[in-house]
C-alpha cells in the first residue's frame, strides 16, 4: 500500500530541515531613529501585583508609542509623493481625506513569501563595511550578485555593513558623516528586475552625503513613486552575510494598519540547515 504524502506534509518536512536568520532589529527605547520620524517608547502600565485576582493570578501589560517608520519597517507606496502625486498618479490630497490614506496604505501590502537575494557589497569590495556617504552603483550590485538574477515579485537585500554602528545611534544615523546607500540609477536598475521590494540595512536606503541629511532621497522617489517598489529598511544582514547564503526564502509580514504609510516588520531568511 502506497502512503500518500500531502503537499502540506511536504512543506513541513522541507521547513524542518531549515533554519531562520533574523533580518530585523529589536524595538527598544534608545534605538536609532530617523530624524524625520518620532521615536519609540514602551512603558508598562500595569505590573504584576497592581491588580490581583481572587485566585492569586495577575496580569501585566504595556503601552507602546511608535511611528510607522521606526526600527525595521516597510514603506507603503503612500509614503512618498512628487508634486502632489503618489504612485500611479494618485492624488495625495484626495487620498488622505479623513485622516488616513484611502489608497496605497500599508494594509494593502500582501505578505512576503518569496525568494530573496543578497547583494553583499562590502564582501564584494573586500571591506568590513562601506565608507560613510558611499554611493552604491548598478555595477557594484551586479558584481555582488555574481550571476544571480532577481525575478519579478522577489526581493533584493543590499548590504552595507552599517549595522555594525547600530549600538551608537548618532553614528548609525550619520547626519554629519553621511551614510552609504543606493543611487537613483541603482534604484532604477533594481526596479527593472520587477522586484517587489528593495531591502537595506541603513536608515534611509538612499546614499546620504555628509551633512546633507534626509532632505533629498532620489532612490525613494524612483522606487516608491515612479516604479511602485516597496522599501524595507533598518534591517541587519550581518548574520546572513556570515552564513554565506546569497539566496533564500524571504518571509515578512507588515501589520495591517489601515491607511498608514508604514509598518514595523520582522523579516526572516529561511535557509537550508538545522537550527543550532
C-alpha atoms as a PDB file:
ATOM      1  CA  UNK A   1       0.000   0.000   0.000  1.00  0.00           C
ATOM      2  CA  UNK A   2       1.454   3.396  -1.011  1.00  0.00           C
ATOM      3  CA  UNK A   3       1.396   6.089   1.640  1.00  0.00           C
ATOM      4  CA  UNK A   4       0.219   9.403   0.258  1.00  0.00           C
ATOM      5  CA  UNK A   5       2.179  12.495   1.333  1.00  0.00           C
ATOM      6  CA  UNK A   6       0.103  15.651   1.337  1.00  0.00           C
ATOM      7  CA  UNK A   7       1.516  18.919  -0.011  1.00  0.00           C
ATOM      8  CA  UNK A   8       1.337  20.353   3.498  1.00  0.00           C
ATOM      9  CA  UNK A   9       3.402  17.479   4.914  1.00  0.00           C
ATOM     10  CA  UNK A  10       5.972  18.092   2.192  1.00  0.00           C
ATOM     11  CA  UNK A  11       6.192  21.768   3.143  1.00  0.00           C
ATOM     12  CA  UNK A  12       6.632  20.925   6.820  1.00  0.00           C
ATOM     13  CA  UNK A  13       9.295  18.338   6.014  1.00  0.00           C
ATOM     14  CA  UNK A  14      11.199  20.873   3.951  1.00  0.00           C
ATOM     15  CA  UNK A  15      10.997  23.568   6.621  1.00  0.00           C
ATOM     16  CA  UNK A  16      12.025  21.046   9.250  1.00  0.00           C
ATOM     17  CA  UNK A  17      15.447  20.889   7.618  1.00  0.00           C
ATOM     18  CA  UNK A  18      15.969  24.637   7.635  1.00  0.00           C
ATOM     19  CA  UNK A  19      16.883  27.479   9.941  1.00  0.00           C
ATOM     20  CA  UNK A  20      15.680  31.049  10.185  1.00  0.00           C
ATOM     21  CA  UNK A  21      18.036  34.014  10.210  1.00  0.00           C
ATOM     22  CA  UNK A  22      16.624  37.170  11.744  1.00  0.00           C
ATOM     23  CA  UNK A  23      16.930  40.178   9.445  1.00  0.00           C
ATOM     24  CA  UNK A  24      15.302  42.772  11.705  1.00  0.00           C
ATOM     25  CA  UNK A  25      16.276  44.704  14.818  1.00  0.00           C
ATOM     26  CA  UNK A  26      14.590  44.703  18.194  1.00  0.00           C
ATOM     27  CA  UNK A  27      12.197  47.528  19.016  1.00  0.00           C
ATOM     28  CA  UNK A  28      13.500  49.183  22.177  1.00  0.00           C
ATOM     29  CA  UNK A  29      13.930  52.541  23.847  1.00  0.00           C
ATOM     30  CA  UNK A  30      17.011  54.415  22.685  1.00  0.00           C
ATOM     31  CA  UNK A  31      17.394  52.674  19.327  1.00  0.00           C
ATOM     32  CA  UNK A  32      18.420  54.687  16.237  1.00  0.00           C
ATOM     33  CA  UNK A  33      15.533  56.632  14.702  1.00  0.00           C
ATOM     34  CA  UNK A  34      15.485  58.779  11.581  1.00  0.00           C
ATOM     35  CA  UNK A  35      15.207  62.497  12.407  1.00  0.00           C
ATOM     36  CA  UNK A  36      12.171  62.566  10.105  1.00  0.00           C
ATOM     37  CA  UNK A  37      10.144  60.318  12.408  1.00  0.00           C
ATOM     38  CA  UNK A  38       9.056  60.102  16.052  1.00  0.00           C
ATOM     39  CA  UNK A  39      10.894  57.790  18.409  1.00  0.00           C
ATOM     40  CA  UNK A  40       9.898  54.559  20.100  1.00  0.00           C
ATOM     41  CA  UNK A  41       8.693  54.294  23.675  1.00  0.00           C
ATOM     42  CA  UNK A  42       7.354  51.366  25.656  1.00  0.00           C
ATOM     43  CA  UNK A  43       6.183  51.536  29.232  1.00  0.00           C
ATOM     44  CA  UNK A  44       4.431  49.059  31.495  1.00  0.00           C
ATOM     45  CA  UNK A  45       1.078  50.461  32.561  1.00  0.00           C
ATOM     46  CA  UNK A  46       0.201  47.503  34.766  1.00  0.00           C
ATOM     47  CA  UNK A  47       2.640  45.351  36.698  1.00  0.00           C
ATOM     48  CA  UNK A  48       2.029  42.060  38.454  1.00  0.00           C
ATOM     49  CA  UNK A  49       0.600  42.922  41.841  1.00  0.00           C
ATOM     50  CA  UNK A  50      -1.134  46.120  40.738  1.00  0.00           C
ATOM     51  CA  UNK A  51      -4.313  44.102  40.496  1.00  0.00           C
ATOM     52  CA  UNK A  52      -4.551  40.508  41.649  1.00  0.00           C
ATOM     53  CA  UNK A  53      -7.485  38.176  41.149  1.00  0.00           C
ATOM     54  CA  UNK A  54      -9.126  36.183  43.895  1.00  0.00           C
ATOM     55  CA  UNK A  55      -7.184  33.114  42.751  1.00  0.00           C
ATOM     56  CA  UNK A  56      -3.839  34.955  43.029  1.00  0.00           C
ATOM     57  CA  UNK A  57      -3.369  35.429  39.279  1.00  0.00           C
ATOM     58  CA  UNK A  58      -2.304  38.829  37.968  1.00  0.00           C
ATOM     59  CA  UNK A  59      -1.735  40.306  34.518  1.00  0.00           C
ATOM     60  CA  UNK A  60       0.787  42.791  33.209  1.00  0.00           C
ATOM     61  CA  UNK A  61       0.659  44.906  30.048  1.00  0.00           C
ATOM     62  CA  UNK A  62       2.277  47.835  28.318  1.00  0.00           C
ATOM     63  CA  UNK A  63       1.634  50.936  26.250  1.00  0.00           C
ATOM     64  CA  UNK A  64       3.689  51.271  23.043  1.00  0.00           C
ATOM     65  CA  UNK A  65       4.119  54.565  21.197  1.00  0.00           C
ATOM     66  CA  UNK A  66       5.924  54.491  17.864  1.00  0.00           C
ATOM     67  CA  UNK A  67       5.897  55.806  14.335  1.00  0.00           C
ATOM     68  CA  UNK A  68       5.288  53.568  11.340  1.00  0.00           C
ATOM     69  CA  UNK A  69       8.852  54.100  10.092  1.00  0.00           C
ATOM     70  CA  UNK A  70      10.683  53.341  13.332  1.00  0.00           C
ATOM     71  CA  UNK A  71      13.009  50.364  13.632  1.00  0.00           C
ATOM     72  CA  UNK A  72      12.857  47.645  10.985  1.00  0.00           C
ATOM     73  CA  UNK A  73       9.917  48.697   8.823  1.00  0.00           C
ATOM     74  CA  UNK A  74       8.349  48.771   5.370  1.00  0.00           C
ATOM     75  CA  UNK A  75       7.361  51.839   3.368  1.00  0.00           C
ATOM     76  CA  UNK A  76       3.891  51.785   1.852  1.00  0.00           C
ATOM     77  CA  UNK A  77       3.510  53.434  -1.553  1.00  0.00           C
ATOM     78  CA  UNK A  78       1.606  56.329   0.036  1.00  0.00           C
ATOM     79  CA  UNK A  79       4.755  57.241   1.986  1.00  0.00           C
ATOM     80  CA  UNK A  80       6.100  59.472  -0.796  1.00  0.00           C
ATOM     81  CA  UNK A  81       4.679  61.840  -3.399  1.00  0.00           C
ATOM     82  CA  UNK A  82       6.071  64.162  -6.057  1.00  0.00           C
ATOM     83  CA  UNK A  83       4.238  67.379  -6.815  1.00  0.00           C
ATOM     84  CA  UNK A  84       1.191  66.015  -5.011  1.00  0.00           C
ATOM     85  CA  UNK A  85       1.060  62.702  -6.879  1.00  0.00           C
ATOM     86  CA  UNK A  86       1.820  59.259  -5.495  1.00  0.00           C
ATOM     87  CA  UNK A  87       2.478  56.044  -7.405  1.00  0.00           C
ATOM     88  CA  UNK A  88       0.132  55.583 -10.359  1.00  0.00           C
ATOM     89  CA  UNK A  89      -0.738  59.280 -10.400  1.00  0.00           C
ATOM     90  CA  UNK A  90      -2.891  59.038  -7.259  1.00  0.00           C
ATOM     91  CA  UNK A  91      -3.738  62.497  -5.923  1.00  0.00           C
ATOM     92  CA  UNK A  92      -2.208  62.684  -2.441  1.00  0.00           C
ATOM     93  CA  UNK A  93      -4.672  65.296  -1.161  1.00  0.00           C
ATOM     94  CA  UNK A  94      -7.708  63.335  -2.295  1.00  0.00           C
ATOM     95  CA  UNK A  95      -6.342  60.053  -0.936  1.00  0.00           C
ATOM     96  CA  UNK A  96      -5.728  61.379   2.575  1.00  0.00           C
ATOM     97  CA  UNK A  97      -9.134  62.838   3.324  1.00  0.00           C
ATOM     98  CA  UNK A  98     -10.429  61.613   6.662  1.00  0.00           C
ATOM     99  CA  UNK A  99      -7.025  61.483   8.328  1.00  0.00           C
ATOM    100  CA  UNK A 100      -5.782  58.276   6.720  1.00  0.00           C
ATOM    101  CA  UNK A 101      -4.881  57.143   3.232  1.00  0.00           C
ATOM    102  CA  UNK A 102      -7.709  55.542   1.306  1.00  0.00           C
ATOM    103  CA  UNK A 103      -5.305  54.309  -1.371  1.00  0.00           C
ATOM    104  CA  UNK A 104      -1.848  52.692  -1.269  1.00  0.00           C
ATOM    105  CA  UNK A 105      -1.900  52.291   2.533  1.00  0.00           C
ATOM    106  CA  UNK A 106       0.266  49.726   4.278  1.00  0.00           C
ATOM    107  CA  UNK A 107      -2.729  47.438   4.806  1.00  0.00           C
ATOM    108  CA  UNK A 108      -2.767  46.814   1.049  1.00  0.00           C
ATOM    109  CA  UNK A 109       0.682  45.155   1.106  1.00  0.00           C
ATOM    110  CA  UNK A 110       0.407  41.378   0.824  1.00  0.00           C
ATOM    111  CA  UNK A 111       2.701  39.214   2.977  1.00  0.00           C
ATOM    112  CA  UNK A 112       6.115  38.447   1.504  1.00  0.00           C
ATOM    113  CA  UNK A 113       6.812  34.761   0.998  1.00  0.00           C
ATOM    114  CA  UNK A 114       9.249  34.683  -1.879  1.00  0.00           C
ATOM    115  CA  UNK A 115      12.840  34.252  -2.985  1.00  0.00           C
ATOM    116  CA  UNK A 116      15.290  36.835  -1.731  1.00  0.00           C
ATOM    117  CA  UNK A 117      18.814  37.523  -2.975  1.00  0.00           C
ATOM    118  CA  UNK A 118      21.627  39.261  -1.124  1.00  0.00           C
ATOM    119  CA  UNK A 119      23.884  41.811  -2.799  1.00  0.00           C
ATOM    120  CA  UNK A 120      26.745  41.820  -0.266  1.00  0.00           C
ATOM    121  CA  UNK A 121      28.606  44.956  -1.340  1.00  0.00           C
ATOM    122  CA  UNK A 122      31.267  45.008   1.433  1.00  0.00           C
ATOM    123  CA  UNK A 123      32.167  41.371   0.799  1.00  0.00           C
ATOM    124  CA  UNK A 124      32.470  42.068  -2.920  1.00  0.00           C
ATOM    125  CA  UNK A 125      34.790  45.025  -2.215  1.00  0.00           C
ATOM    126  CA  UNK A 126      36.775  43.187   0.474  1.00  0.00           C
ATOM    127  CA  UNK A 127      35.890  45.521   3.354  1.00  0.00           C
ATOM    128  CA  UNK A 128      34.027  45.135   6.650  1.00  0.00           C
ATOM    129  CA  UNK A 129      31.570  47.925   5.866  1.00  0.00           C
ATOM    130  CA  UNK A 130      31.189  50.683   3.343  1.00  0.00           C
ATOM    131  CA  UNK A 131      32.551  54.159   3.927  1.00  0.00           C
ATOM    132  CA  UNK A 132      30.197  56.961   5.062  1.00  0.00           C
ATOM    133  CA  UNK A 133      28.404  58.509   2.107  1.00  0.00           C
ATOM    134  CA  UNK A 134      29.455  55.707  -0.268  1.00  0.00           C
ATOM    135  CA  UNK A 135      27.258  55.521  -3.373  1.00  0.00           C
ATOM    136  CA  UNK A 136      26.285  52.003  -4.461  1.00  0.00           C
ATOM    137  CA  UNK A 137      26.145  51.807  -8.254  1.00  0.00           C
ATOM    138  CA  UNK A 138      24.475  49.217 -10.516  1.00  0.00           C
ATOM    139  CA  UNK A 139      27.943  47.858 -11.235  1.00  0.00           C
ATOM    140  CA  UNK A 140      28.511  47.226  -7.523  1.00  0.00           C
ATOM    141  CA  UNK A 141      25.201  45.358  -7.241  1.00  0.00           C
ATOM    142  CA  UNK A 142      25.767  43.330 -10.390  1.00  0.00           C
ATOM    143  CA  UNK A 143      29.219  42.255  -9.222  1.00  0.00           C
ATOM    144  CA  UNK A 144      27.932  41.340  -5.760  1.00  0.00           C
ATOM    145  CA  UNK A 145      25.067  39.270  -7.184  1.00  0.00           C
ATOM    146  CA  UNK A 146      27.674  37.340  -9.190  1.00  0.00           C
ATOM    147  CA  UNK A 147      25.280  35.885 -11.719  1.00  0.00           C
ATOM    148  CA  UNK A 148      22.195  35.724  -9.515  1.00  0.00           C
ATOM    149  CA  UNK A 149      19.243  37.369 -11.220  1.00  0.00           C
ATOM    150  CA  UNK A 150      16.298  38.663  -9.191  1.00  0.00           C
ATOM    151  CA  UNK A 151      12.976  37.731 -10.759  1.00  0.00           C
ATOM    152  CA  UNK A 152       9.641  39.507 -10.824  1.00  0.00           C
ATOM    153  CA  UNK A 153       7.949  39.549  -7.420  1.00  0.00           C
ATOM    154  CA  UNK A 154      11.146  38.779  -5.484  1.00  0.00           C
ATOM    155  CA  UNK A 155      13.208  40.980  -3.156  1.00  0.00           C
ATOM    156  CA  UNK A 156      16.791  42.215  -3.189  1.00  0.00           C
ATOM    157  CA  UNK A 157      18.736  42.830   0.019  1.00  0.00           C
ATOM    158  CA  UNK A 158      21.561  45.370  -0.309  1.00  0.00           C
ATOM    159  CA  UNK A 159      24.152  45.027   2.457  1.00  0.00           C
ATOM    160  CA  UNK A 160      26.403  47.921   3.510  1.00  0.00           C
ATOM    161  CA  UNK A 161      27.667  46.608   6.866  1.00  0.00           C
ATOM    162  CA  UNK A 162      26.288  49.731   8.530  1.00  0.00           C
ATOM    163  CA  UNK A 163      24.523  47.777  11.362  1.00  0.00           C
ATOM    164  CA  UNK A 164      27.981  47.429  12.920  1.00  0.00           C
ATOM    165  CA  UNK A 165      27.363  51.012  14.084  1.00  0.00           C
ATOM    166  CA  UNK A 166      23.802  50.363  15.287  1.00  0.00           C
ATOM    167  CA  UNK A 167      24.703  50.414  19.028  1.00  0.00           C
ATOM    168  CA  UNK A 168      25.751  54.055  18.546  1.00  0.00           C
ATOM    169  CA  UNK A 169      22.589  55.836  17.291  1.00  0.00           C
ATOM    170  CA  UNK A 170      24.393  59.040  16.279  1.00  0.00           C
ATOM    171  CA  UNK A 171      26.960  57.133  14.225  1.00  0.00           C
ATOM    172  CA  UNK A 172      24.290  54.936  12.643  1.00  0.00           C
ATOM    173  CA  UNK A 173      22.103  57.915  11.636  1.00  0.00           C
ATOM    174  CA  UNK A 174      25.264  59.540  10.281  1.00  0.00           C
ATOM    175  CA  UNK A 175      23.958  63.067   9.839  1.00  0.00           C
ATOM    176  CA  UNK A 176      27.397  64.671   9.829  1.00  0.00           C
ATOM    177  CA  UNK A 177      29.398  61.800   8.342  1.00  0.00           C
ATOM    178  CA  UNK A 178      26.964  60.583   5.700  1.00  0.00           C
ATOM    179  CA  UNK A 179      25.603  57.069   5.216  1.00  0.00           C
ATOM    180  CA  UNK A 180      26.229  54.597   2.372  1.00  0.00           C
ATOM    181  CA  UNK A 181      23.304  53.748   0.140  1.00  0.00           C
ATOM    182  CA  UNK A 182      21.992  53.215  -3.358  1.00  0.00           C
ATOM    183  CA  UNK A 183      21.896  55.911  -6.012  1.00  0.00           C
ATOM    184  CA  UNK A 184      18.837  56.755  -8.112  1.00  0.00           C
ATOM    185  CA  UNK A 185      20.463  54.911 -11.018  1.00  0.00           C
ATOM    186  CA  UNK A 186      20.779  51.798  -8.858  1.00  0.00           C
ATOM    187  CA  UNK A 187      17.159  52.090  -7.762  1.00  0.00           C
ATOM    188  CA  UNK A 188      16.139  52.078 -11.436  1.00  0.00           C
ATOM    189  CA  UNK A 189      18.434  49.114 -12.114  1.00  0.00           C
ATOM    190  CA  UNK A 190      16.812  47.103  -9.311  1.00  0.00           C
ATOM    191  CA  UNK A 191      13.265  48.125 -10.241  1.00  0.00           C
ATOM    192  CA  UNK A 192      13.877  46.937 -13.804  1.00  0.00           C
ATOM    193  CA  UNK A 193      14.062  43.369 -12.479  1.00  0.00           C
ATOM    194  CA  UNK A 194      10.429  43.673 -11.368  1.00  0.00           C
ATOM    195  CA  UNK A 195      11.205  43.156  -7.666  1.00  0.00           C
ATOM    196  CA  UNK A 196       8.511  43.803  -5.060  1.00  0.00           C
ATOM    197  CA  UNK A 197      10.884  45.363  -2.558  1.00  0.00           C
ATOM    198  CA  UNK A 198      14.413  46.627  -2.055  1.00  0.00           C
ATOM    199  CA  UNK A 199      15.733  45.997   1.455  1.00  0.00           C
ATOM    200  CA  UNK A 200      18.538  47.914   3.146  1.00  0.00           C
ATOM    201  CA  UNK A 201      20.437  47.880   6.414  1.00  0.00           C
ATOM    202  CA  UNK A 202      20.598  51.665   6.761  1.00  0.00           C
ATOM    203  CA  UNK A 203      18.248  54.349   8.000  1.00  0.00           C
ATOM    204  CA  UNK A 204      17.317  55.737   4.564  1.00  0.00           C
ATOM    205  CA  UNK A 205      18.340  53.219   1.848  1.00  0.00           C
ATOM    206  CA  UNK A 206      19.489  56.216  -0.249  1.00  0.00           C
ATOM    207  CA  UNK A 207      23.092  57.378  -0.348  1.00  0.00           C
ATOM    208  CA  UNK A 208      23.351  60.237   2.182  1.00  0.00           C
ATOM    209  CA  UNK A 209      26.157  62.706   1.592  1.00  0.00           C
ATOM    210  CA  UNK A 210      27.965  64.088   4.680  1.00  0.00           C
ATOM    211  CA  UNK A 211      25.854  66.795   6.293  1.00  0.00           C
ATOM    212  CA  UNK A 212      23.108  66.547   3.653  1.00  0.00           C
ATOM    213  CA  UNK A 213      20.525  64.978   5.940  1.00  0.00           C
ATOM    214  CA  UNK A 214      17.323  63.399   4.630  1.00  0.00           C
ATOM    215  CA  UNK A 215      16.058  66.321   2.554  1.00  0.00           C
ATOM    216  CA  UNK A 216      16.650  64.613  -0.788  1.00  0.00           C
ATOM    217  CA  UNK A 217      16.040  60.895  -1.312  1.00  0.00           C
ATOM    218  CA  UNK A 218      16.101  60.253  -5.074  1.00  0.00           C
ATOM    219  CA  UNK A 219      16.104  56.466  -4.752  1.00  0.00           C
ATOM    220  CA  UNK A 220      12.921  56.709  -2.691  1.00  0.00           C
ATOM    221  CA  UNK A 221      11.303  58.690  -5.470  1.00  0.00           C
ATOM    222  CA  UNK A 222      12.295  56.135  -8.108  1.00  0.00           C
ATOM    223  CA  UNK A 223      11.143  53.122  -6.096  1.00  0.00           C
ATOM    224  CA  UNK A 224       8.019  54.339  -4.288  1.00  0.00           C
ATOM    225  CA  UNK A 225       6.623  56.951  -6.675  1.00  0.00           C
ATOM    226  CA  UNK A 226       7.843  56.074 -10.157  1.00  0.00           C
ATOM    227  CA  UNK A 227       8.011  52.279 -10.009  1.00  0.00           C
ATOM    228  CA  UNK A 228       5.788  51.100  -7.145  1.00  0.00           C
ATOM    229  CA  UNK A 229       8.520  49.137  -5.369  1.00  0.00           C
ATOM    230  CA  UNK A 230       8.400  48.924  -1.582  1.00  0.00           C
ATOM    231  CA  UNK A 231      11.388  49.784   0.590  1.00  0.00           C
ATOM    232  CA  UNK A 232      12.190  47.773   3.722  1.00  0.00           C
ATOM    233  CA  UNK A 233      14.896  49.403   5.808  1.00  0.00           C
ATOM    234  CA  UNK A 234      16.837  49.465   9.071  1.00  0.00           C
ATOM    235  CA  UNK A 235      17.461  45.739   8.714  1.00  0.00           C
ATOM    236  CA  UNK A 236      20.515  43.699   9.692  1.00  0.00           C
ATOM    237  CA  UNK A 237      22.216  41.374   7.217  1.00  0.00           C
ATOM    238  CA  UNK A 238      25.365  40.628   9.231  1.00  0.00           C
ATOM    239  CA  UNK A 239      24.418  37.086  10.257  1.00  0.00           C
ATOM    240  CA  UNK A 240      23.124  36.345   6.778  1.00  0.00           C
ATOM    241  CA  UNK A 241      26.417  37.541   5.297  1.00  0.00           C
ATOM    242  CA  UNK A 242      28.421  35.324   7.634  1.00  0.00           C
ATOM    243  CA  UNK A 243      26.234  32.335   6.755  1.00  0.00           C
ATOM    244  CA  UNK A 244      27.350  32.556   3.129  1.00  0.00           C
ATOM    245  CA  UNK A 245      23.810  32.203   1.762  1.00  0.00           C
ATOM    246  CA  UNK A 246      23.046  34.599  -1.075  1.00  0.00           C
ATOM    247  CA  UNK A 247      19.572  33.289  -1.963  1.00  0.00           C
ATOM    248  CA  UNK A 248      16.887  32.151   0.454  1.00  0.00           C
ATOM    249  CA  UNK A 249      13.197  32.144   1.271  1.00  0.00           C
ATOM    250  CA  UNK A 250      12.256  35.640   2.398  1.00  0.00           C
ATOM    251  CA  UNK A 251       9.354  35.933   4.854  1.00  0.00           C
ATOM    252  CA  UNK A 252       7.993  39.287   6.006  1.00  0.00           C
ATOM    253  CA  UNK A 253       4.529  40.359   7.180  1.00  0.00           C
ATOM    254  CA  UNK A 254       3.591  44.037   7.524  1.00  0.00           C
ATOM    255  CA  UNK A 255       0.966  44.953  10.103  1.00  0.00           C
ATOM    256  CA  UNK A 256      -2.418  45.755   8.551  1.00  0.00           C
ATOM    257  CA  UNK A 257      -2.716  49.312   9.850  1.00  0.00           C
ATOM    258  CA  UNK A 258      -5.491  50.913   7.827  1.00  0.00           C
ATOM    259  CA  UNK A 259      -4.377  53.989   5.921  1.00  0.00           C
ATOM    260  CA  UNK A 260      -0.850  54.075   7.370  1.00  0.00           C
ATOM    261  CA  UNK A 261       2.284  54.976   5.421  1.00  0.00           C
ATOM    262  CA  UNK A 262       4.483  52.311   7.026  1.00  0.00           C
ATOM    263  CA  UNK A 263       4.622  49.412   9.431  1.00  0.00           C
ATOM    264  CA  UNK A 264       7.104  47.661  11.703  1.00  0.00           C
ATOM    265  CA  UNK A 265       8.134  44.268  10.313  1.00  0.00           C
ATOM    266  CA  UNK A 266      10.012  41.172  11.454  1.00  0.00           C
ATOM    267  CA  UNK A 267      11.612  39.681   8.337  1.00  0.00           C
ATOM    268  CA  UNK A 268      13.487  36.390   8.305  1.00  0.00           C
ATOM    269  CA  UNK A 269      15.584  34.493   5.772  1.00  0.00           C
ATOM    270  CA  UNK A 270      14.883  30.766   5.700  1.00  0.00           C
ATOM    271  CA  UNK A 271      17.994  28.852   4.631  1.00  0.00           C
ATOM    272  CA  UNK A 272      18.973  25.154   4.452  1.00  0.00           C
ATOM    273  CA  UNK A 273      20.354  23.560   7.581  1.00  0.00           C
ATOM    274  CA  UNK A 274      19.074  22.799  11.069  1.00  0.00           C
ATOM    275  CA  UNK A 275      18.939  25.484  13.726  1.00  0.00           C
ATOM    276  CA  UNK A 276      21.751  25.257  16.260  1.00  0.00           C
END
